[in-house]
PDB file of N, CA and C in Angstrom:
ATOM      1  N   UNK A   1     -13.728  -3.923  12.473  1.00  0.00           N
ATOM      2  CA  UNK A   1     -13.332  -4.848  11.434  1.00  0.00           C
ATOM      3  C   UNK A   1     -12.420  -5.909  12.062  1.00  0.00           C
ATOM      4  N   UNK A   2     -12.597  -7.163  11.691  1.00  0.00           N
ATOM      5  CA  UNK A   2     -11.805  -8.239  12.272  1.00  0.00           C
ATOM      6  C   UNK A   2     -10.384  -8.235  11.715  1.00  0.00           C
ATOM      7  N   UNK A   3      -9.478  -8.853  12.457  1.00  0.00           N
ATOM      8  CA  UNK A   3      -8.081  -8.930  12.014  1.00  0.00           C
ATOM      9  C   UNK A   3      -7.955  -9.688  10.701  1.00  0.00           C
ATOM     10  N   UNK A   4      -8.746 -10.753  10.540  1.00  0.00           N
ATOM     11  CA  UNK A   4      -8.713 -11.530   9.296  1.00  0.00           C
ATOM     12  C   UNK A   4      -9.168 -10.691   8.108  1.00  0.00           C
ATOM     13  N   UNK A   5     -10.203  -9.878   8.317  1.00  0.00           N
ATOM     14  CA  UNK A   5     -10.706  -9.038   7.223  1.00  0.00           C
ATOM     15  C   UNK A   5      -9.682  -7.959   6.860  1.00  0.00           C
ATOM     16  N   UNK A   6      -9.027  -7.393   7.852  1.00  0.00           N
ATOM     17  CA  UNK A   6      -8.010  -6.376   7.579  1.00  0.00           C
ATOM     18  C   UNK A   6      -6.870  -6.988   6.776  1.00  0.00           C
ATOM     19  N   UNK A   7      -6.442  -8.181   7.151  1.00  0.00           N
ATOM     20  CA  UNK A   7      -5.392  -8.874   6.395  1.00  0.00           C
ATOM     21  C   UNK A   7      -5.835  -9.120   4.965  1.00  0.00           C
ATOM     22  N   UNK A   8      -7.060  -9.583   4.793  1.00  0.00           N
ATOM     23  CA  UNK A   8      -7.577  -9.868   3.440  1.00  0.00           C
ATOM     24  C   UNK A   8      -7.607  -8.588   2.603  1.00  0.00           C
ATOM     25  N   UNK A   9      -7.999  -7.482   3.197  1.00  0.00           N
ATOM     26  CA  UNK A   9      -8.041  -6.208   2.480  1.00  0.00           C
ATOM     27  C   UNK A   9      -6.623  -5.764   2.099  1.00  0.00           C
ATOM     28  N   UNK A  10      -5.666  -5.950   2.998  1.00  0.00           N
ATOM     29  CA  UNK A  10      -4.278  -5.597   2.690  1.00  0.00           C
ATOM     30  C   UNK A  10      -3.766  -6.408   1.499  1.00  0.00           C
ATOM     31  N   UNK A  11      -4.071  -7.690   1.482  1.00  0.00           N
ATOM     32  CA  UNK A  11      -3.664  -8.553   0.367  1.00  0.00           C
ATOM     33  C   UNK A  11      -4.340  -8.104  -0.926  1.00  0.00           C
ATOM     34  N   UNK A  12      -5.616  -7.765  -0.849  1.00  0.00           N
ATOM     35  CA  UNK A  12      -6.336  -7.297  -2.044  1.00  0.00           C
ATOM     36  C   UNK A  12      -5.740  -5.991  -2.581  1.00  0.00           C
ATOM     37  N   UNK A  13      -5.314  -5.105  -1.682  1.00  0.00           N
ATOM     38  CA  UNK A  13      -4.666  -3.869  -2.126  1.00  0.00           C
ATOM     39  C   UNK A  13      -3.387  -4.198  -2.900  1.00  0.00           C
ATOM     40  N   UNK A  14      -2.610  -5.142  -2.394  1.00  0.00           N
ATOM     41  CA  UNK A  14      -1.401  -5.566  -3.099  1.00  0.00           C
ATOM     42  C   UNK A  14      -1.700  -6.181  -4.450  1.00  0.00           C
ATOM     43  N   UNK A  15      -2.737  -6.992  -4.518  1.00  0.00           N
ATOM     44  CA  UNK A  15      -3.131  -7.605  -5.797  1.00  0.00           C
ATOM     45  C   UNK A  15      -3.599  -6.555  -6.805  1.00  0.00           C
ATOM     46  N   UNK A  16      -4.359  -5.564  -6.326  1.00  0.00           N
ATOM     47  CA  UNK A  16      -4.818  -4.494  -7.223  1.00  0.00           C
ATOM     48  C   UNK A  16      -3.626  -3.729  -7.787  1.00  0.00           C
ATOM     49  N   UNK A  17      -2.624  -3.485  -6.949  1.00  0.00           N
ATOM     50  CA  UNK A  17      -1.410  -2.811  -7.415  1.00  0.00           C
ATOM     51  C   UNK A  17      -0.696  -3.663  -8.464  1.00  0.00           C
ATOM     52  N   UNK A  18      -0.635  -4.963  -8.226  1.00  0.00           N
ATOM     53  CA  UNK A  18       0.024  -5.871  -9.169  1.00  0.00           C
ATOM     54  C   UNK A  18      -0.668  -5.870 -10.528  1.00  0.00           C
ATOM     55  N   UNK A  19      -1.984  -5.769 -10.512  1.00  0.00           N
ATOM     56  CA  UNK A  19      -2.729  -5.747 -11.772  1.00  0.00           C
ATOM     57  C   UNK A  19      -2.421  -4.508 -12.602  1.00  0.00           C
ATOM     58  N   UNK A  20      -1.927  -3.457 -11.969  1.00  0.00           N
ATOM     59  CA  UNK A  20      -1.516  -2.239 -12.689  1.00  0.00           C
ATOM     60  C   UNK A  20      -0.004  -2.198 -12.875  1.00  0.00           C
ATOM     61  N   UNK A  21       0.610  -3.376 -12.788  1.00  0.00           N
ATOM     62  CA  UNK A  21       2.042  -3.553 -13.039  1.00  0.00           C
ATOM     63  C   UNK A  21       2.943  -2.856 -12.036  1.00  0.00           C
ATOM     64  N   UNK A  22       2.476  -2.692 -10.788  1.00  0.00           N
ATOM     65  CA  UNK A  22       3.346  -2.186  -9.731  1.00  0.00           C
ATOM     66  C   UNK A  22       4.479  -3.192  -9.539  1.00  0.00           C
ATOM     67  N   UNK A  23       5.621  -2.690  -9.118  1.00  0.00           N
ATOM     68  CA  UNK A  23       6.785  -3.552  -8.933  1.00  0.00           C
ATOM     69  C   UNK A  23       7.179  -3.607  -7.463  1.00  0.00           C
ATOM     70  N   UNK A  24       7.873  -4.685  -7.112  1.00  0.00           N
ATOM     71  CA  UNK A  24       8.417  -4.860  -5.765  1.00  0.00           C
ATOM     72  C   UNK A  24       7.371  -4.586  -4.683  1.00  0.00           C
ATOM     73  N   UNK A  25       6.243  -5.256  -4.783  1.00  0.00           N
ATOM     74  CA  UNK A  25       5.154  -5.062  -3.821  1.00  0.00           C
ATOM     75  C   UNK A  25       5.507  -5.770  -2.512  1.00  0.00           C
ATOM     76  N   UNK A  26       5.419  -5.017  -1.434  1.00  0.00           N
ATOM     77  CA  UNK A  26       5.712  -5.548  -0.112  1.00  0.00           C
ATOM     78  C   UNK A  26       4.516  -5.236   0.787  1.00  0.00           C
ATOM     79  N   UNK A  27       4.039  -6.248   1.502  1.00  0.00           N
ATOM     80  CA  UNK A  27       2.998  -6.057   2.512  1.00  0.00           C
ATOM     81  C   UNK A  27       3.643  -6.350   3.856  1.00  0.00           C
ATOM     82  N   UNK A  28       3.718  -5.319   4.703  1.00  0.00           N
ATOM     83  CA  UNK A  28       4.334  -5.456   6.017  1.00  0.00           C
ATOM     84  C   UNK A  28       3.263  -5.536   7.095  1.00  0.00           C
ATOM     85  N   UNK A  29       3.389  -6.518   7.960  1.00  0.00           N
ATOM     86  CA  UNK A  29       2.468  -6.701   9.085  1.00  0.00           C
ATOM     87  C   UNK A  29       3.027  -5.923  10.277  1.00  0.00           C
ATOM     88  N   UNK A  30       2.407  -4.811  10.607  1.00  0.00           N
ATOM     89  CA  UNK A  30       2.874  -3.945  11.678  1.00  0.00           C
ATOM     90  C   UNK A  30       2.124  -4.157  12.990  1.00  0.00           C
ATOM     91  N   UNK A  31       1.233  -5.148  13.018  1.00  0.00           N
ATOM     92  CA  UNK A  31       0.489  -5.414  14.249  1.00  0.00           C
ATOM     93  C   UNK A  31       1.474  -5.766  15.355  1.00  0.00           C
ATOM     94  N   UNK A  32       1.338  -5.099  16.482  1.00  0.00           N
ATOM     95  CA  UNK A  32       2.230  -5.333  17.607  1.00  0.00           C
ATOM     96  C   UNK A  32       3.536  -4.560  17.526  1.00  0.00           C
ATOM     97  N   UNK A  33       3.790  -3.909  16.396  1.00  0.00           N
ATOM     98  CA  UNK A  33       5.022  -3.129  16.211  1.00  0.00           C
ATOM     99  C   UNK A  33       4.722  -1.639  16.203  1.00  0.00           C
ATOM    100  N   UNK A  34       3.581  -1.283  15.610  1.00  0.00           N
ATOM    101  CA  UNK A  34       3.227   0.119  15.442  1.00  0.00           C
ATOM    102  C   UNK A  34       1.816   0.374  15.959  1.00  0.00           C
ATOM    103  N   UNK A  35       1.629   1.517  16.553  1.00  0.00           N
ATOM    104  CA  UNK A  35       0.295   1.910  16.989  1.00  0.00           C
ATOM    105  C   UNK A  35      -0.436   2.731  15.939  1.00  0.00           C
ATOM    106  N   UNK A  36       0.226   3.010  14.819  1.00  0.00           N
ATOM    107  CA  UNK A  36      -0.385   3.853  13.787  1.00  0.00           C
ATOM    108  C   UNK A  36      -1.323   3.065  12.875  1.00  0.00           C
ATOM    109  N   UNK A  37      -0.907   1.890  12.473  1.00  0.00           N
ATOM    110  CA  UNK A  37      -1.676   1.094  11.518  1.00  0.00           C
ATOM    111  C   UNK A  37      -1.301  -0.373  11.672  1.00  0.00           C
ATOM    112  N   UNK A  38      -2.067  -1.252  11.034  1.00  0.00           N
ATOM    113  CA  UNK A  38      -1.793  -2.684  11.098  1.00  0.00           C
ATOM    114  C   UNK A  38      -0.911  -3.172   9.953  1.00  0.00           C
ATOM    115  N   UNK A  39      -1.090  -2.577   8.768  1.00  0.00           N
ATOM    116  CA  UNK A  39      -0.349  -3.028   7.593  1.00  0.00           C
ATOM    117  C   UNK A  39       0.129  -1.845   6.762  1.00  0.00           C
ATOM    118  N   UNK A  40       1.317  -1.987   6.197  1.00  0.00           N
ATOM    119  CA  UNK A  40       1.827  -1.102   5.151  1.00  0.00           C
ATOM    120  C   UNK A  40       1.870  -1.922   3.875  1.00  0.00           C
ATOM    121  N   UNK A  41       1.428  -1.343   2.790  1.00  0.00           N
ATOM    122  CA  UNK A  41       1.660  -1.900   1.469  1.00  0.00           C
ATOM    123  C   UNK A  41       2.577  -0.899   0.791  1.00  0.00           C
ATOM    124  N   UNK A  42       3.696  -1.373   0.269  1.00  0.00           N
ATOM    125  CA  UNK A  42       4.671  -0.516  -0.390  1.00  0.00           C
ATOM    126  C   UNK A  42       4.906  -1.078  -1.783  1.00  0.00           C
ATOM    127  N   UNK A  43       4.877  -0.197  -2.783  1.00  0.00           N
ATOM    128  CA  UNK A  43       5.141  -0.648  -4.142  1.00  0.00           C
ATOM    129  C   UNK A  43       5.761   0.484  -4.956  1.00  0.00           C
ATOM    130  N   UNK A  44       6.278   0.122  -6.115  1.00  0.00           N
ATOM    131  CA  UNK A  44       6.936   1.077  -7.000  1.00  0.00           C
ATOM    132  C   UNK A  44       6.235   1.112  -8.350  1.00  0.00           C
ATOM    133  N   UNK A  45       6.377   2.265  -9.003  1.00  0.00           N
ATOM    134  CA  UNK A  45       5.852   2.453 -10.358  1.00  0.00           C
ATOM    135  C   UNK A  45       6.913   3.161 -11.185  1.00  0.00           C
ATOM    136  N   UNK A  46       6.826   2.997 -12.481  1.00  0.00           N
ATOM    137  CA  UNK A  46       7.822   3.589 -13.376  1.00  0.00           C
ATOM    138  C   UNK A  46       7.587   5.067 -13.639  1.00  0.00           C
ATOM    139  N   UNK A  47       6.322   5.480 -13.607  1.00  0.00           N
ATOM    140  CA  UNK A  47       5.995   6.862 -13.955  1.00  0.00           C
ATOM    141  C   UNK A  47       4.975   7.440 -12.985  1.00  0.00           C
ATOM    142  N   UNK A  48       4.846   8.760 -13.004  1.00  0.00           N
ATOM    143  CA  UNK A  48       3.835   9.429 -12.179  1.00  0.00           C
ATOM    144  C   UNK A  48       2.437   8.989 -12.604  1.00  0.00           C
ATOM    145  N   UNK A  49       2.254   8.822 -13.884  1.00  0.00           N
ATOM    146  CA  UNK A  49       0.951   8.378 -14.399  1.00  0.00           C
ATOM    147  C   UNK A  49       0.596   6.987 -13.858  1.00  0.00           C
ATOM    148  N   UNK A  50       1.582   6.116 -13.792  1.00  0.00           N
ATOM    149  CA  UNK A  50       1.338   4.772 -13.270  1.00  0.00           C
ATOM    150  C   UNK A  50       1.019   4.809 -11.776  1.00  0.00           C
ATOM    151  N   UNK A  51       1.673   5.678 -11.002  1.00  0.00           N
ATOM    152  CA  UNK A  51       1.351   5.753  -9.570  1.00  0.00           C
ATOM    153  C   UNK A  51      -0.119   6.100  -9.391  1.00  0.00           C
ATOM    154  N   UNK A  52      -0.611   7.030 -10.188  1.00  0.00           N
ATOM    155  CA  UNK A  52      -2.021   7.434 -10.068  1.00  0.00           C
ATOM    156  C   UNK A  52      -2.969   6.323 -10.530  1.00  0.00           C
ATOM    157  N   UNK A  53      -2.572   5.562 -11.534  1.00  0.00           N
ATOM    158  CA  UNK A  53      -3.395   4.430 -11.989  1.00  0.00           C
ATOM    159  C   UNK A  53      -3.476   3.358 -10.893  1.00  0.00           C
ATOM    160  N   UNK A  54      -2.385   3.152 -10.200  1.00  0.00           N
ATOM    161  CA  UNK A  54      -2.369   2.182  -9.099  1.00  0.00           C
ATOM    162  C   UNK A  54      -3.304   2.642  -7.985  1.00  0.00           C
ATOM    163  N   UNK A  55      -3.274   3.939  -7.673  1.00  0.00           N
ATOM    164  CA  UNK A  55      -4.181   4.492  -6.655  1.00  0.00           C
ATOM    165  C   UNK A  55      -5.626   4.192  -7.021  1.00  0.00           C
ATOM    166  N   UNK A  56      -5.993   4.473  -8.256  1.00  0.00           N
ATOM    167  CA  UNK A  56      -7.375   4.258  -8.687  1.00  0.00           C
ATOM    168  C   UNK A  56      -7.763   2.792  -8.595  1.00  0.00           C
ATOM    169  N   UNK A  57      -6.855   1.901  -8.998  1.00  0.00           N
ATOM    170  CA  UNK A  57      -7.155   0.464  -8.951  1.00  0.00           C
ATOM    171  C   UNK A  57      -7.349  -0.008  -7.509  1.00  0.00           C
ATOM    172  N   UNK A  58      -6.492   0.455  -6.615  1.00  0.00           N
ATOM    173  CA  UNK A  58      -6.598   0.046  -5.208  1.00  0.00           C
ATOM    174  C   UNK A  58      -7.894   0.581  -4.606  1.00  0.00           C
ATOM    175  N   UNK A  59      -8.190   1.841  -4.857  1.00  0.00           N
ATOM    176  CA  UNK A  59      -9.394   2.428  -4.275  1.00  0.00           C
ATOM    177  C   UNK A  59     -10.657   1.736  -4.779  1.00  0.00           C
ATOM    178  N   UNK A  60     -10.697   1.412  -6.059  1.00  0.00           N
ATOM    179  CA  UNK A  60     -11.855   0.699  -6.616  1.00  0.00           C
ATOM    180  C   UNK A  60     -11.981  -0.696  -5.998  1.00  0.00           C
ATOM    181  N   UNK A  61     -10.863  -1.404  -5.873  1.00  0.00           N
ATOM    182  CA  UNK A  61     -10.893  -2.759  -5.312  1.00  0.00           C
ATOM    183  C   UNK A  61     -11.338  -2.734  -3.852  1.00  0.00           C
ATOM    184  N   UNK A  62     -10.792  -1.811  -3.066  1.00  0.00           N
ATOM    185  CA  UNK A  62     -11.098  -1.801  -1.640  1.00  0.00           C
ATOM    186  C   UNK A  62     -12.499  -1.290  -1.345  1.00  0.00           C
ATOM    187  N   UNK A  63     -13.066  -0.527  -2.259  1.00  0.00           N
ATOM    188  CA  UNK A  63     -14.455  -0.083  -2.086  1.00  0.00           C
ATOM    189  C   UNK A  63     -15.383  -1.298  -2.014  1.00  0.00           C
ATOM    190  N   UNK A  64     -15.045  -2.354  -2.724  1.00  0.00           N
ATOM    191  CA  UNK A  64     -15.823  -3.584  -2.695  1.00  0.00           C
ATOM    192  C   UNK A  64     -15.743  -4.298  -1.354  1.00  0.00           C
ATOM    193  N   UNK A  65     -14.783  -3.929  -0.542  1.00  0.00           N
ATOM    194  CA  UNK A  65     -14.622  -4.507   0.793  1.00  0.00           C
ATOM    195  C   UNK A  65     -15.074  -3.541   1.878  1.00  0.00           C
ATOM    196  N   UNK A  66     -15.736  -2.487   1.454  1.00  0.00           N
ATOM    197  CA  UNK A  66     -16.236  -1.454   2.357  1.00  0.00           C
ATOM    198  C   UNK A  66     -15.110  -0.775   3.137  1.00  0.00           C
ATOM    199  N   UNK A  67     -13.914  -0.744   2.551  1.00  0.00           N
ATOM    200  CA  UNK A  67     -12.801  -0.011   3.158  1.00  0.00           C
ATOM    201  C   UNK A  67     -12.930   1.447   2.729  1.00  0.00           C
ATOM    202  N   UNK A  68     -12.770   2.336   3.684  1.00  0.00           N
ATOM    203  CA  UNK A  68     -12.955   3.757   3.408  1.00  0.00           C
ATOM    204  C   UNK A  68     -11.610   4.470   3.424  1.00  0.00           C
ATOM    205  N   UNK A  69     -11.328   5.173   2.339  1.00  0.00           N
ATOM    206  CA  UNK A  69     -10.106   5.960   2.248  1.00  0.00           C
ATOM    207  C   UNK A  69     -10.277   7.206   3.105  1.00  0.00           C
ATOM    208  N   UNK A  70      -9.509   7.280   4.203  1.00  0.00           N
ATOM    209  CA  UNK A  70      -9.613   8.409   5.118  1.00  0.00           C
ATOM    210  C   UNK A  70      -8.820   9.610   4.649  1.00  0.00           C
ATOM    211  N   UNK A  71      -7.694   9.351   3.987  1.00  0.00           N
ATOM    212  CA  UNK A  71      -6.802  10.445   3.639  1.00  0.00           C
ATOM    213  C   UNK A  71      -5.885  10.007   2.501  1.00  0.00           C
ATOM    214  N   UNK A  72      -5.577  10.928   1.619  1.00  0.00           N
ATOM    215  CA  UNK A  72      -4.609  10.662   0.552  1.00  0.00           C
ATOM    216  C   UNK A  72      -3.672  11.858   0.452  1.00  0.00           C
ATOM    217  N   UNK A  73      -2.398  11.584   0.257  1.00  0.00           N
ATOM    218  CA  UNK A  73      -1.397  12.638   0.094  1.00  0.00           C
ATOM    219  C   UNK A  73      -0.537  12.337  -1.117  1.00  0.00           C
ATOM    220  N   UNK A  74      -0.061  13.372  -1.774  1.00  0.00           N
ATOM    221  CA  UNK A  74       0.898  13.231  -2.852  1.00  0.00           C
ATOM    222  C   UNK A  74       0.331  12.909  -4.213  1.00  0.00           C
ATOM    223  N   UNK A  75      -0.986  12.863  -4.350  1.00  0.00           N
ATOM    224  CA  UNK A  75      -1.585  12.469  -5.621  1.00  0.00           C
ATOM    225  C   UNK A  75      -1.217  13.405  -6.771  1.00  0.00           C
ATOM    226  N   UNK A  76      -1.279  14.728  -6.598  1.00  0.00           N
ATOM    227  CA  UNK A  76      -0.969  15.599  -7.738  1.00  0.00           C
ATOM    228  C   UNK A  76       0.444  15.400  -8.305  1.00  0.00           C
ATOM    229  N   UNK A  77       1.423  15.220  -7.421  1.00  0.00           N
ATOM    230  CA  UNK A  77       2.801  15.047  -7.887  1.00  0.00           C
ATOM    231  C   UNK A  77       3.067  13.625  -8.373  1.00  0.00           C
ATOM    232  N   UNK A  78       2.475  12.656  -7.716  1.00  0.00           N
ATOM    233  CA  UNK A  78       2.620  11.263  -8.125  1.00  0.00           C
ATOM    234  C   UNK A  78       3.979  10.654  -7.849  1.00  0.00           C
ATOM    235  N   UNK A  79       4.786  11.287  -7.000  1.00  0.00           N
ATOM    236  CA  UNK A  79       6.116  10.764  -6.688  1.00  0.00           C
ATOM    237  C   UNK A  79       6.033   9.773  -5.529  1.00  0.00           C
ATOM    238  N   UNK A  80       5.313  10.152  -4.485  1.00  0.00           N
ATOM    239  CA  UNK A  80       5.038   9.287  -3.340  1.00  0.00           C
ATOM    240  C   UNK A  80       3.600   9.557  -2.947  1.00  0.00           C
ATOM    241  N   UNK A  81       2.740   8.606  -3.220  1.00  0.00           N
ATOM    242  CA  UNK A  81       1.330   8.744  -2.868  1.00  0.00           C
ATOM    243  C   UNK A  81       1.049   7.852  -1.675  1.00  0.00           C
ATOM    244  N   UNK A  82       0.453   8.448  -0.655  1.00  0.00           N
ATOM    245  CA  UNK A  82       0.089   7.727   0.556  1.00  0.00           C
ATOM    246  C   UNK A  82      -1.435   7.649   0.616  1.00  0.00           C
ATOM    247  N   UNK A  83      -1.949   6.435   0.755  1.00  0.00           N
ATOM    248  CA  UNK A  83      -3.379   6.189   0.897  1.00  0.00           C
ATOM    249  C   UNK A  83      -3.616   5.634   2.296  1.00  0.00           C
ATOM    250  N   UNK A  84      -4.373   6.351   3.112  1.00  0.00           N
ATOM    251  CA  UNK A  84      -4.589   5.950   4.506  1.00  0.00           C
ATOM    252  C   UNK A  84      -6.001   5.405   4.671  1.00  0.00           C
ATOM    253  N   UNK A  85      -6.085   4.103   4.935  1.00  0.00           N
ATOM    254  CA  UNK A  85      -7.345   3.438   5.214  1.00  0.00           C
ATOM    255  C   UNK A  85      -7.465   3.111   6.706  1.00  0.00           C
ATOM    256  N   UNK A  86      -6.735   3.801   7.539  1.00  0.00           N
ATOM    257  CA  UNK A  86      -6.637   3.641   8.985  1.00  0.00           C
ATOM    258  C   UNK A  86      -5.897   2.359   9.363  1.00  0.00           C
ATOM    259  N   UNK A  87      -6.480   1.193   9.138  1.00  0.00           N
ATOM    260  CA  UNK A  87      -5.829  -0.063   9.490  1.00  0.00           C
ATOM    261  C   UNK A  87      -4.782  -0.485   8.465  1.00  0.00           C
ATOM    262  N   UNK A  88      -4.839   0.135   7.293  1.00  0.00           N
ATOM    263  CA  UNK A  88      -3.932  -0.175   6.185  1.00  0.00           C
ATOM    264  C   UNK A  88      -3.465   1.151   5.593  1.00  0.00           C
ATOM    265  N   UNK A  89      -2.156   1.264   5.390  1.00  0.00           N
ATOM    266  CA  UNK A  89      -1.607   2.450   4.730  1.00  0.00           C
ATOM    267  C   UNK A  89      -0.823   1.970   3.514  1.00  0.00           C
ATOM    268  N   UNK A  90      -1.174   2.515   2.356  1.00  0.00           N
ATOM    269  CA  UNK A  90      -0.538   2.134   1.099  1.00  0.00           C
ATOM    270  C   UNK A  90       0.416   3.244   0.684  1.00  0.00           C
ATOM    271  N   UNK A  91       1.645   2.859   0.339  1.00  0.00           N
ATOM    272  CA  UNK A  91       2.657   3.798  -0.147  1.00  0.00           C
ATOM    273  C   UNK A  91       3.000   3.407  -1.581  1.00  0.00           C
ATOM    274  N   UNK A  92       2.766   4.316  -2.512  1.00  0.00           N
ATOM    275  CA  UNK A  92       3.071   4.070  -3.913  1.00  0.00           C
ATOM    276  C   UNK A  92       4.137   5.083  -4.323  1.00  0.00           C
ATOM    277  N   UNK A  93       5.298   4.583  -4.665  1.00  0.00           N
ATOM    278  CA  UNK A  93       6.448   5.424  -4.988  1.00  0.00           C
ATOM    279  C   UNK A  93       6.836   5.299  -6.462  1.00  0.00           C
ATOM    280  N   UNK A  94       7.458   6.346  -6.987  1.00  0.00           N
ATOM    281  CA  UNK A  94       8.252   6.150  -8.192  1.00  0.00           C
ATOM    282  C   UNK A  94       9.495   5.390  -7.720  1.00  0.00           C
ATOM    283  N   UNK A  95      10.182   4.731  -8.620  1.00  0.00           N
ATOM    284  CA  UNK A  95      11.346   3.936  -8.231  1.00  0.00           C
ATOM    285  C   UNK A  95      12.406   4.780  -7.517  1.00  0.00           C
ATOM    286  N   UNK A  96      12.649   5.969  -8.034  1.00  0.00           N
ATOM    287  CA  UNK A  96      13.675   6.835  -7.452  1.00  0.00           C
ATOM    288  C   UNK A  96      13.302   7.254  -6.027  1.00  0.00           C
ATOM    289  N   UNK A  97      12.056   7.618  -5.821  1.00  0.00           N
ATOM    290  CA  UNK A  97      11.611   8.043  -4.487  1.00  0.00           C
ATOM    291  C   UNK A  97      11.673   6.876  -3.506  1.00  0.00           C
ATOM    292  N   UNK A  98      11.327   5.698  -3.955  1.00  0.00           N
ATOM    293  CA  UNK A  98      11.371   4.544  -3.056  1.00  0.00           C
ATOM    294  C   UNK A  98      12.796   4.241  -2.621  1.00  0.00           C
ATOM    295  N   UNK A  99      13.727   4.318  -3.541  1.00  0.00           N
ATOM    296  CA  UNK A  99      15.125   4.103  -3.184  1.00  0.00           C
ATOM    297  C   UNK A  99      15.595   5.153  -2.180  1.00  0.00           C
ATOM    298  N   UNK A 100      15.197   6.386  -2.389  1.00  0.00           N
ATOM    299  CA  UNK A 100      15.621   7.479  -1.525  1.00  0.00           C
ATOM    300  C   UNK A 100      15.079   7.325  -0.104  1.00  0.00           C
ATOM    301  N   UNK A 101      13.782   7.051   0.024  1.00  0.00           N
ATOM    302  CA  UNK A 101      13.158   6.980   1.349  1.00  0.00           C
ATOM    303  C   UNK A 101      13.344   5.624   2.039  1.00  0.00           C
ATOM    304  N   UNK A 102      13.530   4.571   1.282  1.00  0.00           N
ATOM    305  CA  UNK A 102      13.798   3.226   1.816  1.00  0.00           C
ATOM    306  C   UNK A 102      12.887   2.868   2.991  1.00  0.00           C
ATOM    307  N   UNK A 103      11.609   3.085   2.811  1.00  0.00           N
ATOM    308  CA  UNK A 103      10.640   2.914   3.883  1.00  0.00           C
ATOM    309  C   UNK A 103      10.617   1.505   4.464  1.00  0.00           C
ATOM    310  N   UNK A 104      10.701   0.487   3.614  1.00  0.00           N
ATOM    311  CA  UNK A 104      10.640  -0.874   4.151  1.00  0.00           C
ATOM    312  C   UNK A 104      11.853  -1.212   4.997  1.00  0.00           C
ATOM    313  N   UNK A 105      12.964  -0.503   4.808  1.00  0.00           N
ATOM    314  CA  UNK A 105      14.138  -0.723   5.658  1.00  0.00           C
ATOM    315  C   UNK A 105      13.927  -0.131   7.054  1.00  0.00           C
ATOM    316  N   UNK A 106      13.146   0.948   7.129  1.00  0.00           N
ATOM    317  CA  UNK A 106      12.832   1.534   8.432  1.00  0.00           C
ATOM    318  C   UNK A 106      11.985   0.583   9.271  1.00  0.00           C
ATOM    319  N   UNK A 107      11.199  -0.243   8.596  1.00  0.00           N
ATOM    320  CA  UNK A 107      10.329  -1.214   9.264  1.00  0.00           C
ATOM    321  C   UNK A 107      10.842  -2.627   9.005  1.00  0.00           C
ATOM    322  N   UNK A 108      12.156  -2.788   8.994  1.00  0.00           N
ATOM    323  CA  UNK A 108      12.777  -4.073   8.661  1.00  0.00           C
ATOM    324  C   UNK A 108      12.416  -5.217   9.589  1.00  0.00           C
ATOM    325  N   UNK A 109      11.964  -4.914  10.815  1.00  0.00           N
ATOM    326  CA  UNK A 109      11.586  -5.977  11.757  1.00  0.00           C
ATOM    327  C   UNK A 109      10.183  -6.521  11.502  1.00  0.00           C
ATOM    328  N   UNK A 110       9.428  -5.838  10.675  1.00  0.00           N
ATOM    329  CA  UNK A 110       8.039  -6.251  10.433  1.00  0.00           C
ATOM    330  C   UNK A 110       7.986  -7.482   9.539  1.00  0.00           C
ATOM    331  N   UNK A 111       7.170  -8.457   9.896  1.00  0.00           N
ATOM    332  CA  UNK A 111       6.992  -9.631   9.024  1.00  0.00           C
ATOM    333  C   UNK A 111       6.363  -9.221   7.689  1.00  0.00           C
ATOM    334  N   UNK A 112       6.763  -9.928   6.647  1.00  0.00           N
ATOM    335  CA  UNK A 112       6.195  -9.690   5.311  1.00  0.00           C
ATOM    336  C   UNK A 112       5.101 -10.714   5.047  1.00  0.00           C
ATOM    337  N   UNK A 113       4.051 -10.227   4.402  1.00  0.00           N
ATOM    338  CA  UNK A 113       2.906 -11.075   4.078  1.00  0.00           C
ATOM    339  C   UNK A 113       2.928 -11.320   2.568  1.00  0.00           C
ATOM    340  N   UNK A 114       2.735 -12.572   2.175  1.00  0.00           N
ATOM    341  CA  UNK A 114       2.679 -12.892   0.747  1.00  0.00           C
ATOM    342  C   UNK A 114       1.327 -12.541   0.164  1.00  0.00           C
ATOM    343  N   UNK A 115       1.321 -12.317  -1.145  1.00  0.00           N
ATOM    344  CA  UNK A 115       0.067 -12.040  -1.847  1.00  0.00           C
ATOM    345  C   UNK A 115      -0.555 -13.363  -2.243  1.00  0.00           C
ATOM    346  N   UNK A 116      -1.384 -13.891  -1.397  1.00  0.00           N
ATOM    347  CA  UNK A 116      -1.987 -15.211  -1.570  1.00  0.00           C
ATOM    348  C   UNK A 116      -2.932 -15.186  -2.763  1.00  0.00           C
ATOM    349  N   UNK A 117      -2.814 -16.174  -3.624  1.00  0.00           N
ATOM    350  CA  UNK A 117      -3.675 -16.242  -4.823  1.00  0.00           C
ATOM    351  C   UNK A 117      -5.085 -16.638  -4.453  1.00  0.00           C
TER     352      UNK A 117
END
């Protein structure tokens, strides 16, 4: 997959989260910083039910881009759900869990990507 396509898919994941009223959506560009993945998408939800709705919206949207979900963790609890698409990793937190783990602060050197309309 090309770098441009991976970026476009990361942006689409953020937009899908926004459509389900995710809050504080951050897309971090980890290319050149991390060997694990190219992008992190981090967002918050008010409830466990909303975290799961965001997961479904992202997975449906990315299926249209032929992105394959390799692994998912945390879905039953809905406190911190991790969606691994290899080149893109999505983190969906409840607000409390996001504050506790402060994941975007751990990757504070990573450039942020805007959700281009």
